[in-house]
Amino acid sequence: MSTEKKKIRGKVRGFVAMPGAGKNYLADILKEHNYVSIGGGDIIREECRKRGLALTSKNQTDVSLDIYAKEGPDAIGKRIASKVEKYLEEGKDVVIEGIRKVEDNHHYAKNFDDYKLAYVFVPTKVRHKRLLERQDNDRKVTIDEILERDREEIVHKRIGDLIVHADHVINNTSTDHKEIEKQVLEFAEITN
């Protein structure tokens, strides 16, 4: 008797990218085509609310480190996968924004029948300009903080190890929405 879990049917698409590459923008395109969107940030914010904490950057970082310390290196990925399963069981397709760990990617590929990962490419200077321009009262950052976050993504989170597993590359440099949308729909295998 096999103990292997049956893969759940439905499309699951994931994005891996450096900060400022436009993962949310691309997920919004899929949401226009009836996808449900979820990301690690959603999990962290939900946990902060459960703990009665303000949604500050420091609280979110502390909560995320606490989750990993208590539940292991794949904790957030498992929480995301649980939510993805529920959406798939409801017949919904899902986009996962901002996949950060190779272990999570392997878990999704193993457990979801139609899972694909796209690397969202944007040149560094363009990403940095976007991050500086999109600041609001809650997210003011300096170029030094952006560079430090990039180093964190590359050195500590080892995002490059995940990028090499991508099934697809989306170049999110164009200002032509139709061109970007075309790439996203091709990746998601959506035909109009």
N, C-alpha and C. Protein backbone atom coordinates (compact mmCIF):
# COMPACT_ATOMS: atom_id res chain seq x y z
N MET A 1 0.84 -1.18 0.00
CA MET A 1 0.00 0.00 0.00
C MET A 1 0.88 1.25 0.00
N SER A 2 0.64 2.14 -0.93
CA SER A 2 1.45 3.35 -1.07
C SER A 2 1.03 4.40 -0.05
N THR A 3 2.03 5.03 0.56
CA THR A 3 1.74 6.11 1.49
C THR A 3 1.92 7.47 0.81
N GLU A 4 2.28 7.44 -0.48
CA GLU A 4 2.50 8.69 -1.19
C GLU A 4 1.18 9.42 -1.40
N LYS A 5 1.20 10.69 -1.14
CA LYS A 5 0.02 11.54 -1.27
C LYS A 5 -0.27 11.80 -2.75
N LYS A 6 -1.52 11.74 -3.12
CA LYS A 6 -1.92 12.01 -4.50
C LYS A 6 -1.79 13.51 -4.78
N LYS A 7 -1.22 13.82 -5.94
CA LYS A 7 -1.10 15.23 -6.32
C LYS A 7 -2.48 15.81 -6.57
N ILE A 8 -2.64 17.05 -6.16
CA ILE A 8 -3.91 17.74 -6.34
C ILE A 8 -3.89 18.46 -7.68
N ARG A 9 -4.96 18.31 -8.44
CA ARG A 9 -5.04 18.93 -9.76
C ARG A 9 -5.37 20.41 -9.69
N GLY A 10 -4.95 21.12 -10.71
CA GLY A 10 -5.17 22.55 -10.82
C GLY A 10 -3.84 23.24 -11.08
N LYS A 11 -3.89 24.38 -11.71
CA LYS A 11 -2.66 25.11 -12.04
C LYS A 11 -2.15 25.86 -10.82
N VAL A 12 -0.85 25.69 -10.57
CA VAL A 12 -0.15 26.45 -9.55
C VAL A 12 1.07 27.06 -10.22
N ARG A 13 1.14 28.38 -10.19
CA ARG A 13 2.26 29.08 -10.80
C ARG A 13 2.97 29.88 -9.71
N GLY A 14 4.29 29.88 -9.76
CA GLY A 14 5.07 30.60 -8.77
C GLY A 14 6.04 31.57 -9.43
N PHE A 15 6.33 32.65 -8.70
CA PHE A 15 7.31 33.63 -9.16
C PHE A 15 8.47 33.70 -8.18
N VAL A 16 9.67 33.72 -8.73
CA VAL A 16 10.87 34.00 -7.95
C VAL A 16 11.51 35.22 -8.59
N ALA A 17 11.91 36.18 -7.75
CA ALA A 17 12.51 37.41 -8.27
C ALA A 17 13.14 38.19 -7.14
N MET A 18 14.02 39.07 -7.52
CA MET A 18 14.61 39.99 -6.56
C MET A 18 13.56 41.05 -6.20
N PRO A 19 13.74 41.73 -5.05
CA PRO A 19 12.80 42.80 -4.68
C PRO A 19 12.72 43.88 -5.76
N GLY A 20 11.49 44.31 -6.04
CA GLY A 20 11.27 45.37 -7.03
C GLY A 20 11.11 44.87 -8.45
N ALA A 21 11.07 43.56 -8.63
CA ALA A 21 10.96 43.01 -9.99
C ALA A 21 9.52 43.00 -10.50
N GLY A 22 8.55 43.18 -9.62
CA GLY A 22 7.16 43.26 -10.06
C GLY A 22 6.34 42.00 -9.90
N LYS A 23 6.66 41.19 -8.89
CA LYS A 23 5.91 39.95 -8.67
C LYS A 23 4.42 40.21 -8.43
N ASN A 24 4.13 41.24 -7.63
CA ASN A 24 2.72 41.55 -7.34
C ASN A 24 1.99 41.98 -8.61
N TYR A 25 2.64 42.79 -9.43
CA TYR A 25 2.06 43.25 -10.70
C TYR A 25 1.72 42.05 -11.59
N LEU A 26 2.63 41.10 -11.68
CA LEU A 26 2.39 39.92 -12.52
C LEU A 26 1.29 39.04 -11.92
N ALA A 27 1.28 38.92 -10.60
CA ALA A 27 0.21 38.16 -9.95
C ALA A 27 -1.15 38.81 -10.20
N ASP A 28 -1.18 40.15 -10.22
CA ASP A 28 -2.43 40.86 -10.52
C ASP A 28 -2.96 40.51 -11.90
N ILE A 29 -2.06 40.32 -12.85
CA ILE A 29 -2.48 39.91 -14.20
C ILE A 29 -3.16 38.55 -14.13
N LEU A 30 -2.60 37.62 -13.37
CA LEU A 30 -3.22 36.30 -13.25
C LEU A 30 -4.54 36.37 -12.48
N LYS A 31 -4.62 37.26 -11.51
CA LYS A 31 -5.88 37.42 -10.77
C LYS A 31 -6.99 37.89 -11.70
N GLU A 32 -6.65 38.66 -12.73
CA GLU A 32 -7.65 39.07 -13.73
C GLU A 32 -8.17 37.87 -14.51
N HIS A 33 -7.45 36.74 -14.42
CA HIS A 33 -7.84 35.50 -15.11
C HIS A 33 -8.23 34.44 -14.08
N ASN A 34 -8.81 34.90 -12.98
CA ASN A 34 -9.41 34.04 -11.95
C ASN A 34 -8.43 33.22 -11.12
N TYR A 35 -7.18 33.63 -11.07
CA TYR A 35 -6.24 33.01 -10.15
C TYR A 35 -6.41 33.63 -8.77
N VAL A 36 -6.07 32.84 -7.75
CA VAL A 36 -5.99 33.34 -6.39
C VAL A 36 -4.51 33.52 -6.10
N SER A 37 -4.16 34.59 -5.42
CA SER A 37 -2.76 34.90 -5.14
C SER A 37 -2.44 34.73 -3.67
N ILE A 38 -1.27 34.15 -3.39
CA ILE A 38 -0.80 34.00 -2.01
C ILE A 38 0.72 34.12 -2.01
N GLY A 39 1.25 34.62 -0.91
CA GLY A 39 2.70 34.73 -0.79
C GLY A 39 3.13 34.62 0.66
N GLY A 40 4.43 34.50 0.85
CA GLY A 40 4.98 34.40 2.20
C GLY A 40 4.62 35.59 3.06
N GLY A 41 4.59 36.77 2.46
CA GLY A 41 4.22 37.97 3.21
C GLY A 41 2.82 37.86 3.79
N ASP A 42 1.91 37.22 3.05
CA ASP A 42 0.54 37.02 3.55
C ASP A 42 0.57 36.17 4.82
N ILE A 43 1.40 35.14 4.82
CA ILE A 43 1.50 34.23 5.96
C ILE A 43 2.06 34.98 7.18
N ILE A 44 3.09 35.78 6.94
CA ILE A 44 3.72 36.53 8.03
C ILE A 44 2.76 37.57 8.61
N ARG A 45 2.08 38.31 7.73
CA ARG A 45 1.13 39.32 8.21
C ARG A 45 -0.01 38.67 9.00
N GLU A 46 -0.48 37.52 8.53
CA GLU A 46 -1.54 36.79 9.24
C GLU A 46 -1.07 36.40 10.65
N GLU A 47 0.16 35.92 10.75
CA GLU A 47 0.71 35.52 12.05
C GLU A 47 0.90 36.72 12.96
N CYS A 48 1.34 37.85 12.41
CA CYS A 48 1.47 39.08 13.22
C CYS A 48 0.12 39.46 13.81
N ARG A 49 -0.92 39.41 12.97
CA ARG A 49 -2.26 39.76 13.45
C ARG A 49 -2.70 38.81 14.57
N LYS A 50 -2.44 37.51 14.39
CA LYS A 50 -2.80 36.54 15.43
C LYS A 50 -2.11 36.85 16.75
N ARG A 51 -0.89 37.37 16.67
CA ARG A 51 -0.10 37.68 17.86
C ARG A 51 -0.38 39.09 18.38
N GLY A 52 -1.25 39.81 17.69
CA GLY A 52 -1.60 41.16 18.12
C GLY A 52 -0.49 42.18 17.89
N LEU A 53 0.35 41.93 16.89
CA LEU A 53 1.49 42.82 16.61
C LEU A 53 1.17 43.76 15.46
N ALA A 54 1.72 44.96 15.54
CA ALA A 54 1.61 45.91 14.43
C ALA A 54 2.39 45.37 13.24
N LEU A 55 1.96 45.73 12.05
CA LEU A 55 2.60 45.22 10.84
C LEU A 55 3.82 46.06 10.44
N THR A 56 4.78 46.15 11.35
CA THR A 56 6.02 46.85 11.05
C THR A 56 7.00 45.88 10.41
N SER A 57 7.98 46.42 9.71
CA SER A 57 9.01 45.59 9.09
C SER A 57 9.73 44.75 10.13
N LYS A 58 10.07 45.36 11.27
CA LYS A 58 10.77 44.64 12.33
C LYS A 58 9.92 43.49 12.88
N ASN A 59 8.64 43.76 13.16
CA ASN A 59 7.77 42.70 13.67
C ASN A 59 7.65 41.56 12.68
N GLN A 60 7.51 41.90 11.40
CA GLN A 60 7.36 40.86 10.39
C GLN A 60 8.64 40.02 10.28
N THR A 61 9.80 40.67 10.34
CA THR A 61 11.06 39.92 10.32
C THR A 61 11.18 39.03 11.54
N ASP A 62 10.88 39.57 12.72
CA ASP A 62 10.97 38.80 13.96
C ASP A 62 10.02 37.60 13.95
N VAL A 63 8.79 37.82 13.48
CA VAL A 63 7.82 36.73 13.42
C VAL A 63 8.27 35.66 12.44
N SER A 64 8.79 36.07 11.29
CA SER A 64 9.24 35.09 10.31
C SER A 64 10.40 34.26 10.87
N LEU A 65 11.35 34.89 11.55
CA LEU A 65 12.46 34.15 12.16
C LEU A 65 11.96 33.21 13.25
N ASP A 66 10.97 33.64 14.00
CA ASP A 66 10.39 32.80 15.05
C ASP A 66 9.70 31.58 14.46
N ILE A 67 8.96 31.79 13.38
CA ILE A 67 8.28 30.66 12.72
C ILE A 67 9.31 29.64 12.24
N TYR A 68 10.36 30.12 11.57
CA TYR A 68 11.40 29.20 11.08
C TYR A 68 12.09 28.48 12.23
N ALA A 69 12.38 29.20 13.32
CA ALA A 69 13.06 28.59 14.47
C ALA A 69 12.21 27.49 15.10
N LYS A 70 10.91 27.72 15.20
CA LYS A 70 10.02 26.77 15.87
C LYS A 70 9.54 25.64 14.96
N GLU A 71 9.36 25.94 13.65
CA GLU A 71 8.72 24.97 12.76
C GLU A 71 9.63 24.42 11.67
N GLY A 72 10.85 24.94 11.56
CA GLY A 72 11.80 24.42 10.58
C GLY A 72 11.93 25.30 9.35
N PRO A 73 12.94 25.00 8.51
CA PRO A 73 13.28 25.85 7.38
C PRO A 73 12.24 25.89 6.27
N ASP A 74 11.31 24.95 6.28
CA ASP A 74 10.27 24.94 5.24
C ASP A 74 8.90 25.33 5.80
N ALA A 75 8.89 25.96 6.97
CA ALA A 75 7.64 26.25 7.68
C ALA A 75 6.69 27.12 6.88
N ILE A 76 7.19 28.20 6.31
CA ILE A 76 6.30 29.11 5.59
C ILE A 76 5.82 28.47 4.30
N GLY A 77 6.70 27.74 3.65
CA GLY A 77 6.31 27.01 2.44
C GLY A 77 5.21 26.00 2.72
N LYS A 78 5.29 25.32 3.85
CA LYS A 78 4.24 24.36 4.22
C LYS A 78 2.91 25.06 4.48
N ARG A 79 2.99 26.22 5.14
CA ARG A 79 1.76 26.98 5.39
C ARG A 79 1.13 27.45 4.08
N ILE A 80 1.98 27.90 3.16
CA ILE A 80 1.47 28.31 1.84
C ILE A 80 0.84 27.12 1.14
N ALA A 81 1.54 25.98 1.15
CA ALA A 81 1.04 24.78 0.47
C ALA A 81 -0.32 24.36 1.01
N SER A 82 -0.52 24.48 2.31
CA SER A 82 -1.80 24.14 2.91
C SER A 82 -2.92 25.01 2.34
N LYS A 83 -2.65 26.30 2.20
CA LYS A 83 -3.65 27.22 1.63
C LYS A 83 -3.87 26.93 0.14
N VAL A 84 -2.79 26.63 -0.56
CA VAL A 84 -2.91 26.30 -1.99
C VAL A 84 -3.80 25.07 -2.16
N GLU A 85 -3.60 24.06 -1.34
CA GLU A 85 -4.42 22.84 -1.41
C GLU A 85 -5.90 23.16 -1.28
N LYS A 86 -6.24 24.02 -0.32
CA LYS A 86 -7.64 24.38 -0.12
C LYS A 86 -8.21 25.07 -1.36
N TYR A 87 -7.44 25.99 -1.93
CA TYR A 87 -7.90 26.68 -3.15
C TYR A 87 -8.08 25.70 -4.31
N LEU A 88 -7.13 24.79 -4.47
CA LEU A 88 -7.24 23.81 -5.56
C LEU A 88 -8.46 22.91 -5.37
N GLU A 89 -8.71 22.51 -4.13
CA GLU A 89 -9.88 21.68 -3.84
C GLU A 89 -11.17 22.41 -4.18
N GLU A 90 -11.15 23.75 -4.12
CA GLU A 90 -12.30 24.57 -4.50
C GLU A 90 -12.35 24.81 -6.01
N GLY A 91 -11.39 24.23 -6.74
CA GLY A 91 -11.36 24.38 -8.19
C GLY A 91 -10.71 25.66 -8.69
N LYS A 92 -9.95 26.32 -7.82
CA LYS A 92 -9.29 27.58 -8.19
C LYS A 92 -7.84 27.34 -8.55
N ASP A 93 -7.33 28.09 -9.54
CA ASP A 93 -5.91 28.08 -9.86
C ASP A 93 -5.23 29.09 -8.95
N VAL A 94 -3.91 28.88 -8.69
CA VAL A 94 -3.21 29.68 -7.68
C VAL A 94 -1.88 30.18 -8.22
N VAL A 95 -1.56 31.42 -7.86
CA VAL A 95 -0.23 31.96 -8.11
C VAL A 95 0.42 32.23 -6.75
N ILE A 96 1.66 31.75 -6.60
CA ILE A 96 2.42 31.97 -5.38
C ILE A 96 3.45 33.07 -5.69
N GLU A 97 3.30 34.19 -4.99
CA GLU A 97 4.21 35.32 -5.19
C GLU A 97 5.45 35.15 -4.32
N GLY A 98 6.60 35.38 -4.88
CA GLY A 98 7.81 35.48 -4.08
C GLY A 98 8.27 34.21 -3.41
N ILE A 99 8.41 33.13 -4.15
CA ILE A 99 8.97 31.90 -3.59
C ILE A 99 10.44 32.18 -3.27
N ARG A 100 10.88 31.77 -2.10
CA ARG A 100 12.21 32.13 -1.63
C ARG A 100 13.13 30.94 -1.34
N LYS A 101 12.60 29.75 -1.25
CA LYS A 101 13.44 28.63 -0.84
C LYS A 101 13.33 27.46 -1.82
N VAL A 102 14.47 26.85 -2.11
CA VAL A 102 14.50 25.68 -2.98
C VAL A 102 13.63 24.57 -2.42
N GLU A 103 13.66 24.41 -1.08
CA GLU A 103 12.87 23.35 -0.44
C GLU A 103 11.38 23.55 -0.71
N ASP A 104 10.94 24.79 -0.67
CA ASP A 104 9.52 25.08 -0.95
C ASP A 104 9.20 24.73 -2.39
N ASN A 105 10.08 25.12 -3.31
CA ASN A 105 9.87 24.83 -4.73
C ASN A 105 9.75 23.32 -4.96
N HIS A 106 10.63 22.54 -4.35
CA HIS A 106 10.57 21.08 -4.49
C HIS A 106 9.26 20.53 -3.91
N HIS A 107 8.85 21.07 -2.78
CA HIS A 107 7.60 20.64 -2.14
C HIS A 107 6.41 20.90 -3.08
N TYR A 108 6.36 22.09 -3.66
CA TYR A 108 5.26 22.43 -4.57
C TYR A 108 5.28 21.52 -5.80
N ALA A 109 6.46 21.31 -6.38
CA ALA A 109 6.57 20.46 -7.57
C ALA A 109 6.15 19.03 -7.28
N LYS A 110 6.47 18.56 -6.08
CA LYS A 110 6.13 17.19 -5.68
C LYS A 110 4.64 17.02 -5.42
N ASN A 111 4.01 18.04 -4.88
CA ASN A 111 2.63 17.90 -4.40
C ASN A 111 1.54 18.47 -5.31
N PHE A 112 1.92 19.30 -6.26
CA PHE A 112 0.91 19.91 -7.13
C PHE A 112 1.12 19.47 -8.57
N ASP A 113 0.07 18.91 -9.13
CA ASP A 113 0.12 18.28 -10.44
C ASP A 113 0.61 19.19 -11.56
N ASP A 114 0.18 20.43 -11.56
CA ASP A 114 0.54 21.35 -12.65
C ASP A 114 1.20 22.59 -12.05
N TYR A 115 2.42 22.40 -11.54
CA TYR A 115 3.18 23.48 -10.92
C TYR A 115 4.32 23.92 -11.83
N LYS A 116 4.48 25.24 -11.97
CA LYS A 116 5.60 25.79 -12.74
C LYS A 116 6.11 27.04 -12.04
N LEU A 117 7.41 27.27 -12.18
CA LEU A 117 8.08 28.41 -11.56
C LEU A 117 8.66 29.31 -12.64
N ALA A 118 8.43 30.62 -12.51
CA ALA A 118 9.02 31.60 -13.43
C ALA A 118 9.95 32.53 -12.67
N TYR A 119 11.10 32.78 -13.27
CA TYR A 119 12.01 33.80 -12.77
C TYR A 119 11.62 35.11 -13.43
N VAL A 120 11.37 36.13 -12.62
CA VAL A 120 11.00 37.45 -13.13
C VAL A 120 12.27 38.30 -13.18
N PHE A 121 12.70 38.59 -14.41
CA PHE A 121 13.94 39.35 -14.61
C PHE A 121 13.66 40.83 -14.78
N VAL A 122 14.43 41.63 -14.06
CA VAL A 122 14.46 43.09 -14.22
C VAL A 122 15.88 43.52 -13.88
N PRO A 123 16.50 44.37 -14.71
CA PRO A 123 17.86 44.83 -14.39
C PRO A 123 17.92 45.53 -13.03
N THR A 124 19.05 45.40 -12.37
CA THR A 124 19.23 45.93 -11.01
C THR A 124 18.88 47.40 -10.90
N LYS A 125 19.39 48.24 -11.79
CA LYS A 125 19.12 49.68 -11.69
C LYS A 125 17.63 49.99 -11.82
N VAL A 126 16.94 49.24 -12.66
CA VAL A 126 15.50 49.44 -12.83
C VAL A 126 14.77 49.04 -11.55
N ARG A 127 15.15 47.90 -10.96
CA ARG A 127 14.52 47.46 -9.70
C ARG A 127 14.72 48.50 -8.60
N HIS A 128 15.95 48.97 -8.49
CA HIS A 128 16.25 49.95 -7.43
C HIS A 128 15.44 51.23 -7.63
N LYS A 129 15.33 51.68 -8.87
CA LYS A 129 14.53 52.89 -9.15
C LYS A 129 13.07 52.66 -8.76
N ARG A 130 12.54 51.50 -9.10
CA ARG A 130 11.15 51.18 -8.74
C ARG A 130 10.95 51.19 -7.23
N LEU A 131 11.88 50.58 -6.50
CA LEU A 131 11.76 50.52 -5.05
C LEU A 131 11.82 51.91 -4.42
N LEU A 132 12.67 52.76 -4.94
CA LEU A 132 12.76 54.12 -4.42
C LEU A 132 11.51 54.94 -4.75
N GLU A 133 10.93 54.70 -5.93
CA GLU A 133 9.75 55.47 -6.36
C GLU A 133 8.47 55.01 -5.68
N ARG A 134 8.36 53.76 -5.29
CA ARG A 134 7.09 53.25 -4.76
C ARG A 134 6.97 53.43 -3.25
N GLN A 135 7.88 54.12 -2.66
CA GLN A 135 7.86 54.30 -1.22
C GLN A 135 6.61 55.04 -0.76
N ASP A 136 6.13 54.61 0.38
CA ASP A 136 5.04 55.32 1.04
C ASP A 136 5.45 55.50 2.50
N ASN A 137 4.58 55.99 3.32
CA ASN A 137 4.92 56.26 4.72
C ASN A 137 5.37 55.02 5.48
N ASP A 138 4.85 53.85 5.10
CA ASP A 138 5.20 52.62 5.80
C ASP A 138 6.46 51.95 5.26
N ARG A 139 6.87 52.33 4.04
CA ARG A 139 7.99 51.63 3.41
C ARG A 139 9.04 52.59 2.87
N LYS A 140 9.58 53.45 3.68
CA LYS A 140 10.64 54.34 3.24
C LYS A 140 11.96 53.59 3.33
N VAL A 141 12.69 53.55 2.24
CA VAL A 141 13.99 52.88 2.23
C VAL A 141 15.01 53.76 1.51
N THR A 142 16.26 53.53 1.87
CA THR A 142 17.37 54.23 1.22
C THR A 142 18.02 53.26 0.23
N ILE A 143 18.85 53.78 -0.63
CA ILE A 143 19.54 52.92 -1.58
C ILE A 143 20.44 51.94 -0.82
N ASP A 144 21.03 52.36 0.30
CA ASP A 144 21.86 51.44 1.09
C ASP A 144 21.03 50.28 1.65
N GLU A 145 19.82 50.57 2.08
CA GLU A 145 18.94 49.51 2.58
C GLU A 145 18.52 48.56 1.45
N ILE A 146 18.31 49.12 0.28
CA ILE A 146 17.96 48.28 -0.88
C ILE A 146 19.13 47.37 -1.23
N LEU A 147 20.33 47.91 -1.25
CA LEU A 147 21.52 47.10 -1.56
C LEU A 147 21.73 46.02 -0.51
N GLU A 148 21.49 46.35 0.76
CA GLU A 148 21.61 45.36 1.83
C GLU A 148 20.58 44.25 1.66
N ARG A 149 19.37 44.61 1.28
CA ARG A 149 18.33 43.60 1.06
C ARG A 149 18.70 42.70 -0.12
N ASP A 150 19.26 43.29 -1.18
CA ASP A 150 19.73 42.48 -2.31
C ASP A 150 20.78 41.47 -1.85
N ARG A 151 21.75 41.96 -1.06
CA ARG A 151 22.79 41.04 -0.55
C ARG A 151 22.17 39.92 0.28
N GLU A 152 21.19 40.27 1.12
CA GLU A 152 20.49 39.27 1.94
C GLU A 152 19.84 38.20 1.05
N GLU A 153 19.17 38.65 0.00
CA GLU A 153 18.50 37.71 -0.92
C GLU A 153 19.51 36.78 -1.60
N ILE A 154 20.64 37.33 -1.99
CA ILE A 154 21.63 36.55 -2.75
C ILE A 154 22.48 35.68 -1.83
N VAL A 155 23.00 36.25 -0.75
CA VAL A 155 23.94 35.53 0.10
C VAL A 155 23.25 34.62 1.10
N HIS A 156 22.31 35.16 1.85
CA HIS A 156 21.71 34.37 2.94
C HIS A 156 20.52 33.53 2.48
N LYS A 157 19.66 34.11 1.67
CA LYS A 157 18.50 33.36 1.20
C LYS A 157 18.83 32.50 -0.02
N ARG A 158 19.98 32.79 -0.64
CA ARG A 158 20.48 32.01 -1.79
C ARG A 158 19.44 31.91 -2.90
N ILE A 159 18.88 33.06 -3.25
CA ILE A 159 17.83 33.09 -4.27
C ILE A 159 18.31 32.55 -5.61
N GLY A 160 19.60 32.67 -5.88
CA GLY A 160 20.15 32.14 -7.13
C GLY A 160 19.97 30.64 -7.24
N ASP A 161 20.04 29.93 -6.11
CA ASP A 161 19.83 28.48 -6.11
C ASP A 161 18.42 28.15 -6.58
N LEU A 162 17.48 29.03 -6.30
CA LEU A 162 16.10 28.82 -6.71
C LEU A 162 15.89 29.23 -8.16
N ILE A 163 16.51 30.34 -8.56
CA ILE A 163 16.34 30.84 -9.93
C ILE A 163 16.73 29.78 -10.96
N VAL A 164 17.77 29.00 -10.68
CA VAL A 164 18.20 27.98 -11.65
C VAL A 164 17.15 26.88 -11.84
N HIS A 165 16.17 26.78 -10.96
CA HIS A 165 15.10 25.79 -11.09
C HIS A 165 13.91 26.31 -11.88
N ALA A 166 13.95 27.57 -12.30
CA ALA A 166 12.80 28.16 -13.00
C ALA A 166 12.54 27.44 -14.32
N ASP A 167 11.25 27.24 -14.59
CA ASP A 167 10.80 26.63 -15.85
C ASP A 167 10.69 27.67 -16.95
N HIS A 168 10.67 28.93 -16.56
CA HIS A 168 10.31 30.01 -17.49
C HIS A 168 10.96 31.31 -17.01
N VAL A 169 11.24 32.21 -17.93
CA VAL A 169 11.74 33.54 -17.57
C VAL A 169 10.76 34.58 -18.11
N ILE A 170 10.38 35.51 -17.25
CA ILE A 170 9.54 36.63 -17.68
C ILE A 170 10.38 37.89 -17.55
N ASN A 171 10.53 38.60 -18.66
CA ASN A 171 11.27 39.86 -18.65
C ASN A 171 10.28 40.98 -18.38
N ASN A 172 10.32 41.51 -17.16
CA ASN A 172 9.38 42.54 -16.75
C ASN A 172 10.01 43.94 -16.85
N THR A 173 10.72 44.17 -17.93
CA THR A 173 11.39 45.45 -18.14
C THR A 173 10.54 46.40 -18.99
N SER A 174 9.74 45.85 -19.86
CA SER A 174 8.94 46.66 -20.79
C SER A 174 7.93 47.53 -20.05
N THR A 175 7.61 48.67 -20.64
CA THR A 175 6.53 49.51 -20.11
C THR A 175 5.23 49.22 -20.84
N ASP A 176 5.27 48.30 -21.79
CA ASP A 176 4.08 47.90 -22.56
C ASP A 176 3.34 46.80 -21.80
N HIS A 177 2.21 47.17 -21.18
CA HIS A 177 1.43 46.21 -20.38
C HIS A 177 1.05 44.98 -21.19
N LYS A 178 0.67 45.18 -22.44
CA LYS A 178 0.25 44.04 -23.29
C LYS A 178 1.40 43.04 -23.48
N GLU A 179 2.62 43.54 -23.62
CA GLU A 179 3.78 42.66 -23.79
C GLU A 179 4.02 41.84 -22.52
N ILE A 180 3.94 42.49 -21.38
CA ILE A 180 4.13 41.79 -20.11
C ILE A 180 3.00 40.77 -19.92
N GLU A 181 1.78 41.19 -20.16
CA GLU A 181 0.63 40.30 -20.01
C GLU A 181 0.77 39.07 -20.90
N LYS A 182 1.24 39.27 -22.12
CA LYS A 182 1.44 38.15 -23.05
C LYS A 182 2.41 37.12 -22.47
N GLN A 183 3.51 37.60 -21.88
CA GLN A 183 4.49 36.68 -21.28
C GLN A 183 3.87 35.91 -20.10
N VAL A 184 3.12 36.61 -19.27
CA VAL A 184 2.52 35.98 -18.09
C VAL A 184 1.48 34.94 -18.51
N LEU A 185 0.66 35.28 -19.49
CA LEU A 185 -0.37 34.34 -19.94
C LEU A 185 0.24 33.11 -20.62
N GLU A 186 1.35 33.30 -21.34
CA GLU A 186 2.06 32.15 -21.93
C GLU A 186 2.57 31.23 -20.82
N PHE A 187 3.17 31.82 -19.80
CA PHE A 187 3.68 31.05 -18.66
C PHE A 187 2.56 30.28 -17.98
N ALA A 188 1.42 30.91 -17.81
CA ALA A 188 0.28 30.27 -17.13
C ALA A 188 -0.54 29.38 -18.06
N GLU A 189 -0.16 29.37 -19.35
CA GLU A 189 -0.86 28.58 -20.36
C GLU A 189 -2.33 28.98 -20.45
N ILE A 190 -2.53 30.30 -20.48
CA ILE A 190 -3.88 30.86 -20.64
C ILE A 190 -3.97 31.40 -22.05
N THR A 191 -5.02 30.97 -22.78
CA THR A 191 -5.23 31.50 -24.12
C THR A 191 -6.48 32.38 -24.11
N ASN A 192 -6.38 33.49 -24.82
CA ASN A 192 -7.54 34.40 -24.88
C ASN A 192 -8.37 34.12 -26.12
